[in-house]
Protein backbone atom coordinates (compact mmCIF):
# COMPACT_ATOMS: atom_id res chain seq x y z
CA UNK A 1 31.19 13.53 167.12
CA UNK A 2 33.97 16.09 166.71
CA UNK A 3 35.40 17.20 170.09
CA UNK A 4 35.96 20.96 170.44
CA UNK A 5 39.54 20.63 171.68
CA UNK A 6 40.36 24.33 171.45
CA UNK A 7 38.31 24.96 174.59
CA UNK A 8 39.98 22.36 176.78
CA UNK A 9 40.19 23.69 180.34
CA UNK A 10 38.04 26.75 179.55
CA UNK A 11 34.60 27.55 180.86
CA UNK A 12 32.02 27.80 178.08
CA UNK A 13 28.28 28.53 178.21
CA UNK A 14 25.83 26.87 175.82
CA UNK A 15 22.56 28.76 175.45
CA UNK A 16 19.66 26.86 173.87
CA UNK A 17 19.58 23.09 174.26
CA UNK A 18 17.86 21.81 171.16
CA UNK A 19 19.51 19.32 168.83
CA UNK A 20 22.45 21.54 167.83
CA UNK A 21 22.89 23.04 171.31
CA UNK A 22 23.06 19.63 172.97
CA UNK A 23 25.52 18.48 170.30
CA UNK A 24 27.71 21.52 171.04
CA UNK A 25 27.60 20.85 174.79
CA UNK A 26 28.61 17.22 174.30
CA UNK A 27 31.40 18.22 171.89
CA UNK A 28 32.78 20.80 174.30
CA UNK A 29 32.68 18.36 177.20
CA UNK A 30 34.41 15.71 175.09
CA UNK A 31 37.10 18.29 174.30
CA UNK A 32 37.77 18.97 177.99
CA UNK A 33 35.84 22.22 178.45
CA UNK A 34 34.03 23.20 181.65
CA UNK A 35 30.55 23.41 180.14
CA UNK A 36 27.63 25.34 181.62
CA UNK A 37 24.22 25.12 179.99
CA UNK A 38 21.02 27.16 179.89
CA UNK A 39 17.63 27.01 178.22
CA UNK A 40 14.61 29.19 178.87
CA UNK A 41 12.46 26.05 178.90
CA UNK A 42 12.81 24.46 182.36
CA UNK A 43 11.97 20.99 181.11
CA UNK A 44 14.63 21.15 178.39
CA UNK A 45 17.19 22.42 180.91
CA UNK A 46 16.31 19.65 183.36
CA UNK A 47 16.73 16.95 180.70
CA UNK A 48 20.22 18.18 179.85
CA UNK A 49 21.42 18.71 183.43
CA UNK A 50 20.28 15.13 184.09
CA UNK A 51 23.07 14.14 181.68
CA UNK A 52 25.64 15.60 184.04
CA UNK A 53 25.88 19.18 182.80
CA UNK A 54 25.94 22.13 185.21
CA UNK A 55 23.22 24.73 184.76
CA UNK A 56 24.36 28.28 184.16
CA UNK A 57 22.66 31.04 186.13
CA UNK A 58 20.48 32.40 183.35
CA UNK A 59 19.06 35.14 185.55
CA UNK A 60 22.20 36.74 186.99
CA UNK A 61 24.18 36.17 183.77
CA UNK A 62 27.63 36.64 185.25
CA UNK A 63 30.09 35.96 182.45
CA UNK A 64 33.31 36.50 184.35
CA UNK A 65 35.82 33.76 183.53
CA UNK A 66 33.89 32.60 180.48
CA UNK A 67 35.74 32.11 177.21
CA UNK A 68 32.81 31.61 174.86
CA UNK A 69 29.03 31.72 174.60
CA UNK A 70 27.64 29.17 172.15
CA UNK A 71 24.26 30.49 171.09
CA UNK A 72 21.31 28.66 169.57
CA UNK A 73 20.56 30.39 166.24
CA UNK A 74 16.85 30.12 166.93
CA UNK A 75 17.00 32.42 169.97
CA UNK A 76 16.82 36.16 169.15
CA UNK A 77 19.97 38.03 170.19
CA UNK A 78 19.40 41.37 168.42
CA UNK A 79 15.94 41.78 166.87
CA UNK A 80 13.07 42.02 167.49
CA UNK A 81 14.25 42.19 171.10
CA UNK A 82 17.63 40.89 172.27
CA UNK A 83 17.63 38.16 174.86
CA UNK A 84 18.94 39.56 178.19
CA UNK A 85 21.70 36.96 178.23
CA UNK A 86 22.99 38.21 174.87
CA UNK A 87 23.02 41.79 176.13
CA UNK A 88 24.92 40.83 179.29
CA UNK A 89 27.44 38.78 177.31
CA UNK A 90 28.19 41.59 174.90
CA UNK A 91 28.52 44.04 177.78
CA UNK A 92 31.14 41.69 179.21
CA UNK A 93 33.02 41.67 175.90
CA UNK A 94 31.98 38.11 175.04
CA UNK A 95 30.96 37.43 171.44
CA UNK A 96 28.30 34.92 170.43
CA UNK A 97 29.06 31.87 168.32
CA UNK A 98 27.28 28.66 167.30
CA UNK A 99 27.99 24.99 166.75
CA UNK A 100 28.93 25.53 163.09
CA UNK A 101 31.70 27.87 164.18
CA UNK A 102 33.01 25.24 166.61
CA UNK A 103 33.21 22.81 163.69
CA UNK A 104 35.16 25.30 161.59
CA UNK A 105 37.60 25.87 164.44
CA UNK A 106 38.01 22.13 165.03
CA UNK A 107 38.54 21.20 161.36
CA UNK A 108 40.62 24.02 159.83
CA UNK A 109 42.25 21.79 157.19
CA UNK A 110 39.02 20.61 155.57
CA UNK A 111 37.51 22.51 152.66
CA UNK A 112 34.14 24.19 153.18
CA UNK A 113 31.30 24.77 150.74
CA UNK A 114 28.57 26.92 152.30
CA UNK A 115 25.10 27.44 150.88
CA UNK A 116 22.47 30.01 151.76
CA UNK A 117 19.40 31.65 150.22
CA UNK A 118 15.82 32.33 151.15
CA UNK A 119 14.60 29.25 149.30
CA UNK A 120 16.17 26.13 147.86
CA UNK A 121 19.24 25.92 150.08
CA UNK A 122 18.44 22.49 151.55
CA UNK A 123 17.93 20.84 148.17
CA UNK A 124 21.03 22.55 146.77
CA UNK A 125 23.12 21.51 149.77
CA UNK A 126 22.01 17.90 149.50
CA UNK A 127 22.54 17.89 145.74
CA UNK A 128 26.08 19.29 145.99
CA UNK A 129 26.98 16.64 148.57
CA UNK A 130 25.41 13.97 146.36
CA UNK A 131 27.43 15.09 143.31
CA UNK A 132 30.66 15.06 145.32
CA UNK A 133 29.92 11.59 146.68
CA UNK A 134 28.98 10.42 143.21
CA UNK A 135 32.39 11.66 142.03
CA UNK A 136 34.18 9.76 144.81
CA UNK A 137 35.01 12.79 146.92
CA UNK A 138 35.25 12.63 150.72
CA UNK A 139 32.39 14.77 151.97
CA UNK A 140 30.08 15.38 154.94
CA UNK A 141 26.85 17.38 154.82
CA UNK A 142 24.99 19.18 157.61
CA UNK A 143 24.56 22.51 159.36
CA UNK A 144 21.02 23.81 159.02
CA UNK A 145 20.22 20.65 157.07
CA UNK A 146 19.60 17.66 159.30
CA UNK A 147 22.77 16.62 161.10
CA UNK A 148 24.22 19.08 163.65
CA UNK A 149 27.63 20.32 162.55
CA UNK A 150 29.58 18.73 165.40
CA UNK A 151 27.97 15.33 164.82
CA UNK A 152 29.59 15.12 161.39
CA UNK A 153 32.62 12.96 160.64
CA UNK A 154 36.01 14.63 161.16
CA UNK A 155 37.40 14.98 157.64
CA UNK A 156 40.68 16.86 157.86
CA UNK A 157 42.81 17.60 154.82
CA UNK A 158 41.27 16.34 151.59
CA UNK A 159 37.71 16.34 152.94
CA UNK A 160 34.92 18.80 152.19
CA UNK A 161 32.13 19.98 154.47
CA UNK A 162 28.98 20.98 152.59
CA UNK A 163 27.04 23.21 154.98
CA UNK A 164 23.62 24.77 154.67
CA UNK A 165 23.65 28.05 156.60
CA UNK A 166 20.59 30.06 157.55
CA UNK A 167 20.63 33.81 158.04
CA UNK A 168 20.46 33.14 161.79
CA UNK A 169 23.59 30.98 161.67
CA UNK A 170 25.50 33.38 159.45
CA UNK A 171 25.40 35.95 162.24
CA UNK A 172 27.12 33.47 164.55
CA UNK A 173 30.08 32.08 162.54
CA UNK A 174 33.04 34.46 162.98
CA UNK A 175 35.47 31.77 161.73
CA UNK A 176 33.61 31.10 158.47
CA UNK A 177 36.17 31.18 155.64
CA UNK A 178 34.88 28.89 152.91
CA UNK A 179 36.49 28.19 149.57
CA UNK A 180 33.12 28.15 147.85
CA UNK A 181 30.05 30.15 148.90
CA UNK A 182 26.62 29.89 147.28
CA UNK A 183 23.81 32.46 147.45
CA UNK A 184 20.73 31.24 145.62
CA UNK A 185 18.26 34.08 146.06
CA UNK A 186 17.02 36.74 148.45
CA UNK A 187 13.35 37.47 149.04
CA UNK A 188 11.79 38.93 152.21
CA UNK A 189 11.88 36.48 155.11
CA UNK A 190 12.71 36.58 158.83
CA UNK A 191 12.66 40.38 158.66
CA UNK A 192 11.68 40.67 162.33
CA UNK A 193 14.86 38.79 163.31
CA UNK A 194 17.14 41.07 161.28
CA UNK A 195 15.54 44.46 161.82
CA UNK A 196 14.29 44.70 158.24
CA UNK A 197 15.38 43.85 154.72
CA UNK A 198 18.77 45.57 154.97
CA UNK A 199 19.69 43.49 158.00
CA UNK A 200 18.53 40.30 156.31
CA UNK A 201 20.63 41.02 153.21
CA UNK A 202 23.63 41.87 155.41
CA UNK A 203 23.30 38.50 157.16
CA UNK A 204 23.22 36.65 153.83
CA UNK A 205 26.20 38.61 152.54
CA UNK A 206 28.33 37.34 155.45
CA UNK A 207 28.72 34.04 153.62
CA UNK A 208 31.25 35.74 151.32
CA UNK A 209 33.32 37.33 154.09
CA UNK A 210 36.83 36.01 154.76
CA UNK A 211 36.67 33.45 151.95
CA UNK A 212 39.78 31.35 151.28
CA UNK A 213 41.33 30.77 147.87
CA UNK A 214 39.97 30.41 145.25
CA UNK A 215 37.17 32.50 146.84
CA UNK A 216 34.50 31.14 144.51
CA UNK A 217 31.13 32.87 144.84
CA UNK A 218 28.15 31.23 143.10
CA UNK A 219 25.25 33.68 142.98
CA UNK A 220 21.75 33.58 141.51
CA UNK A 221 21.01 36.71 139.50
CA UNK A 222 17.29 36.24 138.91
CA UNK A 223 16.14 38.45 141.79
CA UNK A 224 17.23 42.07 142.27
CA UNK A 225 18.75 41.73 145.76
CA UNK A 226 21.00 38.80 144.88
CA UNK A 227 21.83 40.37 141.50
CA UNK A 228 23.03 43.51 143.29
CA UNK A 229 25.35 41.41 145.46
CA UNK A 230 26.62 39.64 142.35
CA UNK A 231 27.49 42.96 140.70
CA UNK A 232 29.26 44.13 143.83
CA UNK A 233 31.38 40.99 144.20
CA UNK A 234 32.11 40.76 140.48
CA UNK A 235 33.71 44.20 140.69
CA UNK A 236 35.70 43.73 143.89
CA UNK A 237 38.70 42.04 142.23
CA UNK A 238 38.85 39.45 145.01
CA UNK A 239 36.22 36.83 144.28
CA UNK A 240 35.86 34.36 141.44
CA UNK A 241 32.16 34.89 140.72
CA UNK A 242 29.93 32.44 138.85
CA UNK A 243 26.43 33.74 138.04
CA UNK A 244 23.52 31.33 137.71
CA UNK A 245 20.16 31.94 136.04
CA UNK A 246 17.05 30.09 134.93
CA UNK A 247 15.72 33.11 133.06
CA UNK A 248 18.48 33.90 130.57
CA UNK A 249 21.88 32.75 129.29
CA UNK A 250 24.76 34.24 131.31
CA UNK A 251 28.30 34.50 130.05
CA UNK A 252 30.80 32.91 132.40
CA UNK A 253 28.05 31.24 134.38
CA UNK A 254 25.70 28.27 134.54
CA UNK A 255 22.16 28.66 133.28
CA UNK A 256 19.05 26.81 132.18
CA UNK A 257 17.48 27.47 128.79
CA UNK A 258 14.44 25.53 127.59
CA UNK A 259 15.12 22.94 130.28
CA UNK A 260 18.74 22.45 129.26
CA UNK A 261 21.40 22.91 131.95
CA UNK A 262 24.32 24.73 130.34
CA UNK A 263 27.84 25.31 131.66
CA UNK A 264 29.20 28.53 130.15
CA UNK A 265 32.14 28.93 132.53
CA UNK A 266 34.61 27.79 129.87
CA UNK A 267 35.44 29.03 126.39
CA UNK A 268 32.34 27.46 124.86
CA UNK A 269 28.93 26.63 126.42
CA UNK A 270 28.47 22.94 127.18
CA UNK A 271 25.07 21.33 127.72
CA UNK A 272 25.26 19.17 130.82
CA UNK A 273 21.76 17.72 131.05
CA UNK A 274 18.15 18.04 129.93
CA UNK A 275 16.58 18.72 133.31
CA UNK A 276 13.12 17.73 132.07
CA UNK A 277 14.40 14.14 132.13
CA UNK A 278 15.48 14.38 135.79
CA UNK A 279 12.53 13.56 138.06
CA UNK A 280 14.03 15.25 141.14
CA UNK A 281 13.85 18.74 139.62
CA UNK A 282 10.25 19.82 138.98
CA UNK A 283 9.89 23.53 138.27
CA UNK A 284 12.19 26.46 137.58
CA UNK A 285 13.13 26.86 141.25
CA UNK A 286 14.62 23.37 141.24
CA UNK A 287 16.42 24.23 138.02
CA UNK A 288 18.07 27.06 139.93
CA UNK A 289 19.17 24.56 142.57
CA UNK A 290 20.59 22.32 139.84
CA UNK A 291 22.41 25.23 138.21
CA UNK A 292 24.00 26.23 141.52
CA UNK A 293 25.09 22.68 142.31
CA UNK A 294 26.50 22.26 138.80
CA UNK A 295 28.45 25.51 139.14
CA UNK A 296 30.00 24.29 142.38
CA UNK A 297 30.81 20.89 140.91
CA UNK A 298 32.38 22.43 137.81
CA UNK A 299 34.47 24.79 139.93
CA UNK A 300 35.79 21.78 141.87
CA UNK A 301 36.78 19.89 138.74
CA UNK A 302 34.01 17.29 138.63
CA UNK A 303 33.58 16.13 135.01
CA UNK A 304 30.41 16.96 133.10
CA UNK A 305 29.51 13.29 132.66
CA UNK A 306 29.52 12.72 136.43
CA UNK A 307 27.49 15.87 137.04
CA UNK A 308 24.83 14.64 134.60
CA UNK A 309 24.71 11.06 135.89
CA UNK A 310 24.74 12.29 139.49
CA UNK A 311 21.75 14.55 138.92
CA UNK A 312 19.81 11.78 137.22
CA UNK A 313 20.17 9.53 140.28
CA UNK A 314 19.57 12.26 142.89
CA UNK A 315 16.60 11.10 145.02
CA UNK A 316 15.46 14.55 146.17
CA UNK A 317 14.63 15.60 149.71
CA UNK A 318 11.80 14.81 152.04
CA UNK A 319 9.28 17.63 152.55
CA UNK A 320 10.35 19.40 149.33
CA UNK A 321 7.73 18.48 146.72
CA UNK A 322 8.04 14.89 147.90
CA UNK A 323 5.68 12.58 146.05
CA UNK A 324 4.30 10.41 148.86
CA UNK A 325 1.47 8.58 147.06
CA UNK A 326 -0.32 8.20 143.75
CA UNK A 327 -3.97 7.17 143.67
CA UNK A 328 -5.35 6.84 140.17
CA UNK A 329 -4.82 10.23 138.52
CA UNK A 330 -4.16 11.98 141.85
CA UNK A 331 -0.70 12.75 143.22
CA UNK A 332 -0.16 13.51 146.90
CA UNK A 333 2.78 15.90 147.33
CA UNK A 334 4.45 16.81 150.63
CA UNK A 335 5.95 20.30 150.41
CA UNK A 336 5.89 21.01 154.15
CA UNK A 337 9.20 22.90 153.89
CA UNK A 338 7.32 25.71 152.11
CA UNK A 339 7.12 27.92 155.19
CA UNK A 340 6.48 31.18 153.32
CA UNK A 341 4.49 32.32 150.30
CA UNK A 342 7.54 32.56 148.06
CA UNK A 343 8.36 28.89 148.68
CA UNK A 344 4.73 27.84 148.17
CA UNK A 345 4.70 29.73 144.88
CA UNK A 346 7.44 27.44 143.57
CA UNK A 347 5.27 24.38 144.17
CA UNK A 348 2.02 25.93 142.91
CA UNK A 349 3.76 26.71 139.62
CA UNK A 350 4.50 23.03 139.08
CA UNK A 351 0.96 21.64 139.15
CA UNK A 352 -2.57 22.23 137.87
CA UNK A 353 -5.94 21.32 139.37
CA UNK A 354 -4.53 21.64 142.88
CA UNK A 355 -6.30 20.68 146.09
CA UNK A 356 -4.21 22.91 148.31
CA UNK A 357 -3.63 22.33 152.04
CA UNK A 358 -2.26 25.54 153.53
CA UNK A 359 -2.01 27.47 156.75
CA UNK A 360 -0.16 27.50 160.03
CA UNK A 361 1.75 30.32 161.66
CA UNK A 362 1.73 33.03 159.00
CA UNK A 363 4.68 35.16 157.99
CA UNK A 364 4.64 38.75 156.88
CA UNK A 365 2.57 39.39 153.76
CA UNK A 366 0.37 36.30 153.94
CA UNK A 367 -0.50 34.87 150.53
CA UNK A 368 -1.37 38.05 148.63
CA UNK A 369 1.64 37.47 146.34
CA UNK A 370 0.12 34.14 145.25
CA UNK A 371 -3.01 35.68 143.70
CA UNK A 372 -1.81 35.14 140.09
CA UNK A 373 -1.66 31.41 140.85
CA UNK A 374 -5.15 31.13 142.35
CA UNK A 375 -6.59 29.83 139.03
CA UNK A 376 -4.45 26.70 139.46
CA UNK A 377 -6.16 25.90 142.77
CA UNK A 378 -9.38 23.87 142.59
CA UNK A 379 -10.06 24.18 146.31
CA UNK A 380 -8.15 25.23 149.44
CA UNK A 381 -8.18 23.35 152.74
CA UNK A 382 -7.04 25.76 155.44
CA UNK A 383 -5.59 24.96 158.86
CA UNK A 384 -3.87 26.70 161.76
CA UNK A 385 -3.64 30.29 162.97
CA UNK A 386 -3.56 31.71 159.45
CA UNK A 387 -6.74 29.97 158.26
CA UNK A 388 -9.05 32.96 158.73
CA UNK A 389 -6.63 35.42 157.12
CA UNK A 390 -6.00 33.09 154.19
CA UNK A 391 -9.76 32.64 153.80
CA UNK A 392 -10.19 36.41 153.53
CA UNK A 393 -7.52 36.55 150.82
CA UNK A 394 -9.03 33.64 148.88
CA UNK A 395 -12.62 34.91 149.14
CA UNK A 396 -14.16 35.34 145.70
CA UNK A 397 -11.21 33.65 143.98
CA UNK A 398 -10.84 30.10 145.32
CA UNK A 399 -13.38 27.89 147.13
CA UNK A 400 -12.14 26.96 150.59
CA UNK A 401 -12.92 25.18 153.84
CA UNK A 402 -11.41 25.61 157.30
CA UNK A 403 -10.29 22.68 159.45
CA UNK A 404 -9.28 22.19 163.05
CA UNK A 405 -6.58 19.66 162.26
CA UNK A 406 -4.37 18.51 159.40
CA UNK A 407 -5.73 14.96 159.32
CA UNK A 408 -9.28 16.03 158.49
CA UNK A 409 -8.02 18.41 155.83
CA UNK A 410 -6.01 15.59 154.24
CA UNK A 411 -8.99 13.23 154.19
CA UNK A 412 -11.35 15.82 152.69
CA UNK A 413 -8.83 17.04 150.12
CA UNK A 414 -7.86 13.52 149.13
CA UNK A 415 -11.42 12.30 148.67
CA UNK A 416 -12.30 15.33 146.56
CA UNK A 417 -9.19 14.95 144.39
CA UNK A 418 -9.49 11.19 143.90
CA UNK A 419 -13.12 11.62 142.81
CA UNK A 420 -12.17 14.35 140.34
CA UNK A 421 -12.43 13.12 136.77
CA UNK A 422 -9.34 15.14 135.80
CA UNK A 423 -5.75 14.54 136.96
CA UNK A 424 -5.26 16.34 140.28
CA UNK A 425 -2.67 17.07 142.95
CA UNK A 426 -3.21 17.18 146.69
CA UNK A 427 -0.50 19.60 147.70
CA UNK A 428 0.62 20.33 151.25
CA UNK A 429 2.50 23.58 150.70
CA UNK A 430 1.48 25.58 153.76
CA UNK A 431 3.10 29.02 153.08
CA UNK A 432 3.42 29.16 156.87
CA UNK A 433 5.62 28.09 159.74
CA UNK A 434 4.47 25.01 161.63
CA UNK A 435 4.92 26.05 165.24
CA UNK A 436 1.25 26.67 166.02
CA UNK A 437 0.43 22.98 165.50
CA UNK A 438 3.68 21.03 165.18
CA UNK A 439 7.20 20.91 166.54
CA UNK A 440 8.66 21.73 163.13
CA UNK A 441 7.99 21.39 159.40
CA UNK A 442 9.40 17.85 159.45
CA UNK A 443 6.78 16.68 161.93
CA UNK A 444 4.07 18.34 159.83
CA UNK A 445 5.34 16.66 156.67
CA UNK A 446 5.69 13.27 158.36
CA UNK A 447 2.12 13.56 159.62
CA UNK A 448 0.94 14.29 156.08
CA UNK A 449 2.86 11.34 154.62
CA UNK A 450 1.69 8.90 157.29
CA UNK A 451 -1.95 10.00 157.07
CA UNK A 452 -2.02 9.82 153.28
CA UNK A 453 -0.52 6.34 153.22
CA UNK A 454 -2.87 5.21 155.97
CA UNK A 455 -5.92 6.39 154.05
CA UNK A 456 -4.61 5.33 150.63
CA UNK A 457 -2.15 2.43 151.13
CA UNK A 458 0.50 2.20 148.43
CA UNK A 459 1.55 -1.02 146.71
CA UNK A 460 4.80 -2.42 148.06
CA UNK A 461 7.81 -2.04 145.84
CA UNK A 462 9.39 -5.36 144.97
CA UNK A 463 13.13 -5.60 145.76
């Protein structure tokens, strides 16, 4: 844990006591702060106060004498309706921050690579960290990906933090000043939390604010919103901008053409790797992740040979097109991280003869955008709150069944696929959030993996 020493002797409030909030509270206490905590869930608050923390008065919200309010990114503070505590804090002149910002304050000498985007940011973040580790660099990875920021190792000068940042977090990091910032793509998501598309784009753009030398900006140019930001930054005379594309060659950038990953940032294009030989990168969306990671690695002086060998040994991430079992000609793929239709599209493009498990807590737009991919789906197995709506959208295009629970859907989909004479894929790619049935997408994906391996045990791998 990294103690937040800058708040020693000050009174600080931590709002939201999930994994990152509790980490922030412990870090502040370790740094000598007078920490007060609050959570709207009484049980969560009681568990934390049992660890010796003092509860803040979340009803009266008197912020006199407070130096900082550390806010959980998951709690709305502007749209669709600001939390009363956020309104009271701002009225008192107190800005909101989050645990990532405390890390940046506590480790000012370390380099920072920050990654955002609607889709692909977790894989890209993990891949960048993997390439740096493969090259012998001192690195720690976290943020929105897995480990809370303040639970990372203190790195200091010569170390590099590789941080995945969501749009929620980007609104709460006033001290963000990274050397390298990555924006993969922008498609509609979380619009209710940002007051619409303009607010969502503005949140993503914050990753490029206050960058430190060399102010490297790696930006995907294959969607119009991100491409517009690329054009703007390329013309500002401040940033060193590296475009990435999987649709066309780009001068001065990194791109993928016919499966070949090409570095064109130098005088002559150099082929780094044939991505079709790298098992961790199925589909064009993963090629974009690879291009972004390669651009970052190149900009930090990692040799081409290490980039190629690092990508070939990258294991991939859980819940992102994770192959959890193979039974005959049937693959079982856990893509639980696909919490919107755009993310599910990426997986559906990678397979044919799909037995698709989908549904949950739907996001705006449903699955209407996936209609061109319906011919790839042999049958749909629908769960959760969105099941009826998805059924209406699939009617007349894809056979479907509705299920009360994930386990039954897995069993039915698996039996149908295994008995199919053609190669098939049982794909959990829900196109929905998980909160109607599960704590998070990880729990949903773990349930899928465990149930599949229980029903179809896999041979043990010999050491």
